[in-house]
N, C-alpha and C. Protein backbone atom coordinates (compact mmCIF):
# COMPACT_ATOMS: atom_id res chain seq x y z
N UNK A 1 51.86 24.30 52.58
CA UNK A 1 52.71 23.60 53.54
C UNK A 1 54.15 23.95 53.26
N UNK A 2 54.94 24.27 54.25
CA UNK A 2 56.33 24.64 54.11
C UNK A 2 57.18 23.39 53.95
N UNK A 3 58.03 23.37 52.92
CA UNK A 3 58.90 22.26 52.64
C UNK A 3 60.35 22.68 52.78
N UNK A 4 61.19 21.80 53.20
CA UNK A 4 62.61 22.09 53.32
C UNK A 4 63.36 21.30 52.25
N UNK A 5 64.23 22.00 51.54
CA UNK A 5 64.97 21.39 50.46
C UNK A 5 66.45 21.78 50.64
N UNK A 6 67.33 20.86 50.31
CA UNK A 6 68.76 21.11 50.37
C UNK A 6 69.34 20.94 48.95
N UNK A 7 70.08 21.93 48.52
CA UNK A 7 70.77 21.84 47.23
C UNK A 7 72.24 22.04 47.47
N UNK A 8 73.06 21.57 46.50
CA UNK A 8 74.48 21.77 46.63
C UNK A 8 74.95 22.71 45.55
N UNK A 9 75.56 23.81 46.02
CA UNK A 9 76.15 24.79 45.12
C UNK A 9 77.59 25.07 45.51
N UNK A 10 78.52 25.00 44.61
CA UNK A 10 79.92 25.24 44.87
C UNK A 10 80.46 24.27 45.94
N UNK A 11 79.94 23.02 45.89
CA UNK A 11 80.42 22.01 46.82
C UNK A 11 79.91 22.13 48.24
N UNK A 12 78.98 23.05 48.50
CA UNK A 12 78.44 23.21 49.83
C UNK A 12 76.91 23.09 49.82
N UNK A 13 76.35 22.41 50.84
CA UNK A 13 74.88 22.27 50.92
C UNK A 13 74.24 23.58 51.35
N UNK A 14 73.11 23.86 50.76
CA UNK A 14 72.29 25.07 51.17
C UNK A 14 70.88 24.56 51.35
N UNK A 15 70.36 24.80 52.57
CA UNK A 15 69.01 24.38 52.89
C UNK A 15 68.10 25.58 52.99
N UNK A 16 66.91 25.44 52.46
CA UNK A 16 65.96 26.52 52.48
C UNK A 16 64.53 25.97 52.60
N UNK A 17 63.62 26.83 52.99
CA UNK A 17 62.22 26.42 53.11
C UNK A 17 61.43 27.11 52.00
N UNK A 18 60.39 26.44 51.51
CA UNK A 18 59.56 27.00 50.47
C UNK A 18 58.13 26.58 50.69
N UNK A 19 57.18 27.39 50.20
CA UNK A 19 55.77 27.12 50.36
C UNK A 19 55.16 26.44 49.16
N UNK A 20 55.92 25.55 48.53
CA UNK A 20 55.43 24.82 47.35
C UNK A 20 55.50 23.32 47.63
N UNK A 21 54.89 22.57 46.75
CA UNK A 21 55.06 21.10 46.81
C UNK A 21 56.51 20.71 46.66
N UNK A 22 56.93 19.61 47.26
CA UNK A 22 58.29 19.18 47.21
C UNK A 22 58.75 19.04 45.76
N UNK A 23 57.93 18.41 44.91
CA UNK A 23 58.25 18.22 43.49
C UNK A 23 58.57 19.53 42.79
N UNK A 24 57.75 20.53 43.04
CA UNK A 24 57.96 21.86 42.43
C UNK A 24 59.23 22.53 42.97
N UNK A 25 59.41 22.43 44.27
CA UNK A 25 60.59 23.03 44.89
C UNK A 25 61.84 22.40 44.30
N UNK A 26 61.88 21.09 44.22
CA UNK A 26 63.04 20.40 43.67
C UNK A 26 63.27 20.74 42.20
N UNK A 27 62.21 20.91 41.46
CA UNK A 27 62.33 21.24 40.05
C UNK A 27 62.97 22.64 39.88
N UNK A 28 62.53 23.57 40.72
CA UNK A 28 63.14 24.93 40.67
C UNK A 28 64.57 24.91 41.12
N UNK A 29 64.85 24.18 42.24
CA UNK A 29 66.21 24.10 42.75
C UNK A 29 67.13 23.42 41.76
N UNK A 30 66.62 22.35 41.15
CA UNK A 30 67.46 21.65 40.13
C UNK A 30 67.78 22.54 38.93
N UNK A 31 66.81 23.41 38.56
CA UNK A 31 67.05 24.31 37.48
C UNK A 31 68.19 25.28 37.83
N UNK A 32 68.19 25.81 39.04
CA UNK A 32 69.25 26.70 39.50
C UNK A 32 70.60 25.97 39.52
N UNK A 33 70.64 24.79 40.08
CA UNK A 33 71.89 24.03 40.17
C UNK A 33 72.44 23.74 38.79
N UNK A 34 71.54 23.36 37.86
CA UNK A 34 71.95 23.10 36.50
C UNK A 34 72.54 24.35 35.81
N UNK A 35 71.86 25.49 36.02
CA UNK A 35 72.32 26.69 35.37
C UNK A 35 73.59 27.20 35.96
N UNK A 36 73.79 27.06 37.28
CA UNK A 36 75.04 27.43 37.93
C UNK A 36 76.18 26.56 37.34
N UNK A 37 75.94 25.26 37.26
CA UNK A 37 76.97 24.37 36.70
C UNK A 37 77.28 24.75 35.25
N UNK A 38 76.26 25.11 34.49
CA UNK A 38 76.46 25.54 33.10
C UNK A 38 77.33 26.79 33.01
N UNK A 39 77.06 27.78 33.87
CA UNK A 39 77.86 29.02 33.91
C UNK A 39 79.28 28.71 34.34
N UNK A 40 79.41 27.89 35.37
CA UNK A 40 80.75 27.48 35.86
C UNK A 40 81.56 26.87 34.72
N UNK A 41 80.95 25.95 33.98
CA UNK A 41 81.62 25.28 32.86
C UNK A 41 82.05 26.29 31.81
N UNK A 42 81.17 27.24 31.49
CA UNK A 42 81.51 28.26 30.53
C UNK A 42 82.68 29.11 30.98
N UNK A 43 82.72 29.42 32.24
CA UNK A 43 83.76 30.31 32.76
C UNK A 43 85.08 29.59 33.05
N UNK A 44 85.02 28.27 33.18
CA UNK A 44 86.25 27.53 33.56
C UNK A 44 87.31 27.61 32.50
N UNK A 45 86.95 27.78 31.24
CA UNK A 45 87.93 27.88 30.18
C UNK A 45 88.64 29.21 30.12
N UNK A 46 88.11 30.20 30.82
CA UNK A 46 88.71 31.51 30.79
C UNK A 46 89.74 31.63 31.91
N UNK A 47 90.76 32.45 31.65
CA UNK A 47 91.84 32.60 32.60
C UNK A 47 91.48 33.41 33.85
N UNK A 48 90.44 34.25 33.72
CA UNK A 48 90.12 35.10 34.86
C UNK A 48 89.29 34.32 35.89
N UNK A 49 89.50 34.68 37.16
CA UNK A 49 88.74 34.06 38.25
C UNK A 49 87.45 34.84 38.40
N UNK A 50 86.34 34.13 38.41
CA UNK A 50 85.03 34.77 38.57
C UNK A 50 84.47 34.34 39.92
N UNK A 51 83.94 35.28 40.64
CA UNK A 51 83.43 34.99 41.99
C UNK A 51 82.19 34.13 41.95
N UNK A 52 81.91 33.50 43.07
CA UNK A 52 80.70 32.70 43.19
C UNK A 52 79.48 33.58 43.03
N UNK A 53 79.54 34.81 43.56
CA UNK A 53 78.39 35.69 43.44
C UNK A 53 78.17 36.05 41.95
N UNK A 54 79.23 36.29 41.19
CA UNK A 54 79.08 36.59 39.78
C UNK A 54 78.49 35.37 39.02
N UNK A 55 78.90 34.18 39.39
CA UNK A 55 78.36 32.99 38.78
C UNK A 55 76.87 32.89 39.07
N UNK A 56 76.49 33.10 40.34
CA UNK A 56 75.06 33.06 40.69
C UNK A 56 74.26 34.11 39.96
N UNK A 57 74.82 35.31 39.84
CA UNK A 57 74.09 36.38 39.14
C UNK A 57 73.94 36.07 37.64
N UNK A 58 74.98 35.52 37.05
CA UNK A 58 74.89 35.13 35.61
C UNK A 58 73.84 34.04 35.43
N UNK A 59 73.83 33.06 36.36
CA UNK A 59 72.82 32.00 36.29
C UNK A 59 71.40 32.58 36.43
N UNK A 60 71.23 33.50 37.39
CA UNK A 60 69.92 34.12 37.60
C UNK A 60 69.50 34.93 36.39
N UNK A 61 70.47 35.65 35.80
CA UNK A 61 70.15 36.44 34.56
C UNK A 61 69.77 35.52 33.42
N UNK A 62 70.47 34.39 33.30
CA UNK A 62 70.12 33.43 32.22
C UNK A 62 68.71 32.89 32.41
N UNK A 63 68.40 32.53 33.67
CA UNK A 63 67.06 31.97 33.92
C UNK A 63 66.00 33.06 33.67
N UNK A 64 66.26 34.29 34.15
CA UNK A 64 65.32 35.39 33.94
C UNK A 64 65.11 35.66 32.44
N UNK A 65 66.17 35.63 31.67
CA UNK A 65 66.09 35.85 30.23
C UNK A 65 65.22 34.79 29.56
N UNK A 66 65.46 33.55 29.97
CA UNK A 66 64.64 32.44 29.41
C UNK A 66 63.19 32.61 29.77
N UNK A 67 62.93 33.00 31.01
CA UNK A 67 61.53 33.27 31.45
C UNK A 67 60.87 34.35 30.63
N UNK A 68 61.59 35.45 30.40
CA UNK A 68 61.02 36.55 29.63
C UNK A 68 60.78 36.10 28.19
N UNK A 69 61.69 35.34 27.59
CA UNK A 69 61.46 34.84 26.23
C UNK A 69 60.27 33.93 26.17
N UNK A 70 60.09 33.06 27.14
CA UNK A 70 58.92 32.16 27.16
C UNK A 70 57.63 32.95 27.31
N UNK A 71 57.64 33.97 28.14
CA UNK A 71 56.44 34.83 28.31
C UNK A 71 56.13 35.52 26.97
N UNK A 72 57.15 36.01 26.31
CA UNK A 72 56.97 36.71 25.03
C UNK A 72 56.38 35.72 23.99
N UNK A 73 56.97 34.52 23.94
CA UNK A 73 56.47 33.52 23.01
C UNK A 73 55.06 33.14 23.31
N UNK A 74 54.71 33.01 24.59
CA UNK A 74 53.36 32.62 24.99
C UNK A 74 52.39 33.72 24.55
N UNK A 75 52.75 34.97 24.80
CA UNK A 75 51.91 36.10 24.37
C UNK A 75 51.66 36.09 22.88
N UNK A 76 52.72 35.88 22.12
CA UNK A 76 52.58 35.82 20.68
C UNK A 76 51.74 34.65 20.20
N UNK A 77 51.90 33.50 20.84
CA UNK A 77 51.09 32.34 20.53
C UNK A 77 49.62 32.59 20.85
N UNK A 78 49.38 33.16 22.00
CA UNK A 78 47.99 33.46 22.39
C UNK A 78 47.36 34.45 21.40
N UNK A 79 48.12 35.45 20.98
CA UNK A 79 47.60 36.45 20.02
C UNK A 79 47.28 35.74 18.70
N UNK A 80 48.22 34.84 18.24
CA UNK A 80 47.98 34.13 17.01
C UNK A 80 46.78 33.21 17.04
N UNK A 81 46.63 32.51 18.18
CA UNK A 81 45.47 31.63 18.35
C UNK A 81 44.17 32.42 18.36
N UNK A 82 44.21 33.56 19.06
CA UNK A 82 43.01 34.41 19.11
C UNK A 82 42.63 34.92 17.74
N UNK A 83 43.62 35.41 17.00
CA UNK A 83 43.36 35.90 15.64
C UNK A 83 42.82 34.79 14.71
N UNK A 84 43.44 33.65 14.76
CA UNK A 84 43.03 32.56 13.92
C UNK A 84 41.62 32.07 14.29
N UNK A 85 41.36 32.03 15.57
CA UNK A 85 40.01 31.62 16.03
C UNK A 85 38.96 32.63 15.56
N UNK A 86 39.25 33.92 15.65
CA UNK A 86 38.30 34.93 15.17
C UNK A 86 38.03 34.81 13.69
N UNK A 87 39.10 34.53 12.91
CA UNK A 87 38.93 34.38 11.47
C UNK A 87 38.12 33.12 11.15
N UNK A 88 38.39 32.06 11.90
CA UNK A 88 37.64 30.81 11.68
C UNK A 88 36.15 31.01 12.03
N UNK A 89 35.90 31.66 13.13
CA UNK A 89 34.52 31.95 13.49
C UNK A 89 33.83 32.81 12.47
N UNK A 90 34.53 33.82 11.96
CA UNK A 90 33.97 34.66 10.94
C UNK A 90 33.69 33.85 9.65
N UNK A 91 34.60 32.99 9.26
CA UNK A 91 34.40 32.15 8.07
C UNK A 91 33.20 31.21 8.26
N UNK A 92 33.10 30.62 9.46
CA UNK A 92 31.99 29.73 9.72
C UNK A 92 30.66 30.47 9.74
N UNK A 93 30.69 31.64 10.34
CA UNK A 93 29.45 32.45 10.39
C UNK A 93 29.01 32.88 8.98
N UNK A 94 29.94 33.22 8.15
CA UNK A 94 29.59 33.65 6.77
C UNK A 94 29.12 32.48 5.93
N UNK A 95 29.57 31.25 6.23
CA UNK A 95 29.16 30.09 5.51
C UNK A 95 27.80 29.57 5.95
N UNK A 96 27.41 29.88 7.16
CA UNK A 96 26.16 29.43 7.70
C UNK A 96 25.02 30.31 7.17
N UNK A 97 25.30 31.54 6.92
CA UNK A 97 24.22 32.47 6.53
C UNK A 97 23.78 32.29 5.10
């Protein structure tokens, strides 16, 4: 089901449609708004003016980087659990015989 969500970026509302549940759409939108605000706060102390597009791109890159790190950590965790499980099964099998 298509849902409509409005978020505020740079003091202006932006409305879009998404094919997710409202809760999921709002969670994703809130993450973007939070990251944009974070980048804006980081850049506000600097004397150079940074464009809204640059702020959005930095926010997107930060979110993408976090996503990649989480995927990498998940893969490592899955590998570790698989290895430990195999060792445990091997230990149990050798103890049963």
